[in-house]
Amino acid sequence: MSSFLDGLIRLRRGPWEMVASILIGLGVVMLMQPFVMGLYTYSFIVILTGTVMFLIVSHFPE
């Protein structure tokens, strides 16, 4: 856990790609759930944020 937080602070690619991937996955789950309209409404924004974040983070150093 400490190395994960250290990687986030030092702007390393691995931990930030994981955060972006979790955001994309969370957005997909929000899109597919049938119960809460608010989650469905914001799912596209979450997926888009995760995707843009992944594109930016892919240029971070290892």
Protein backbone atom coordinates (compact mmCIF):
# COMPACT_ATOMS: atom_id res chain seq x y z
CA MET A 1 0.00 0.00 0.00
CA SER A 2 2.85 2.34 0.80
CA SER A 3 4.46 1.85 -2.61
CA PHE A 4 1.10 2.50 -4.29
CA LEU A 5 0.70 5.83 -2.51
CA ASP A 6 4.34 6.65 -3.17
CA GLY A 7 3.76 5.99 -6.89
CA LEU A 8 0.74 8.29 -6.89
CA ILE A 9 2.69 11.07 -5.23
CA ARG A 10 5.67 10.65 -7.57
CA LEU A 11 3.38 10.54 -10.65
CA ARG A 12 4.37 7.05 -11.77
CA ARG A 13 2.48 5.34 -14.57
CA GLY A 14 1.45 2.08 -12.87
CA PRO A 15 -0.61 3.37 -9.95
CA TRP A 16 -2.27 6.13 -11.98
CA GLU A 17 -3.19 3.67 -14.77
CA MET A 18 -4.81 1.50 -12.11
CA VAL A 19 -6.87 4.45 -10.84
CA ALA A 20 -7.92 5.31 -14.40
CA SER A 21 -8.87 1.69 -15.10
CA ILE A 22 -10.93 1.55 -11.91
CA LEU A 23 -12.74 4.73 -12.99
CA ILE A 24 -13.52 3.21 -16.39
CA GLY A 25 -14.77 0.00 -14.77
CA LEU A 26 -16.86 1.94 -12.27
CA GLY A 27 -18.41 3.92 -15.12
CA VAL A 28 -19.33 0.73 -16.96
CA VAL A 29 -20.94 -0.71 -13.82
CA MET A 30 -22.84 2.57 -13.35
CA LEU A 31 -24.02 2.34 -16.96
CA MET A 32 -25.26 -1.24 -16.64
CA GLN A 33 -27.10 -1.06 -13.30
CA PRO A 34 -30.89 -0.73 -13.55
CA PHE A 35 -31.72 0.76 -10.14
CA VAL A 36 -30.47 4.34 -9.68
CA MET A 37 -31.04 6.85 -12.46
CA GLY A 38 -28.43 9.27 -11.05
CA LEU A 39 -25.66 6.69 -11.42
CA TYR A 40 -26.74 6.01 -14.99
CA THR A 41 -26.81 9.73 -15.74
CA TYR A 42 -23.20 10.30 -14.66
CA SER A 43 -21.79 7.03 -16.03
CA PHE A 44 -20.68 8.55 -19.35
CA ILE A 45 -18.83 11.36 -17.58
CA VAL A 46 -17.03 8.85 -15.34
CA ILE A 47 -16.05 6.67 -18.32
CA LEU A 48 -14.87 9.72 -20.28
CA THR A 49 -12.85 11.01 -17.30
CA GLY A 50 -11.19 7.61 -16.85
CA THR A 51 -10.38 7.37 -20.56
CA VAL A 52 -8.86 10.85 -20.79
CA MET A 53 -6.98 10.22 -17.56
CA PHE A 54 -5.60 6.95 -19.00
CA LEU A 55 -4.42 8.76 -22.14
CA ILE A 56 -2.63 11.42 -20.10
CA VAL A 57 -1.17 8.97 -17.59
CA SER A 58 0.25 6.77 -20.34
CA HIS A 59 2.87 9.50 -20.86
CA PHE A 60 4.05 9.40 -17.23
CA PRO A 61 7.44 7.76 -16.51
CA GLU A 62 7.59 4.17 -15.30
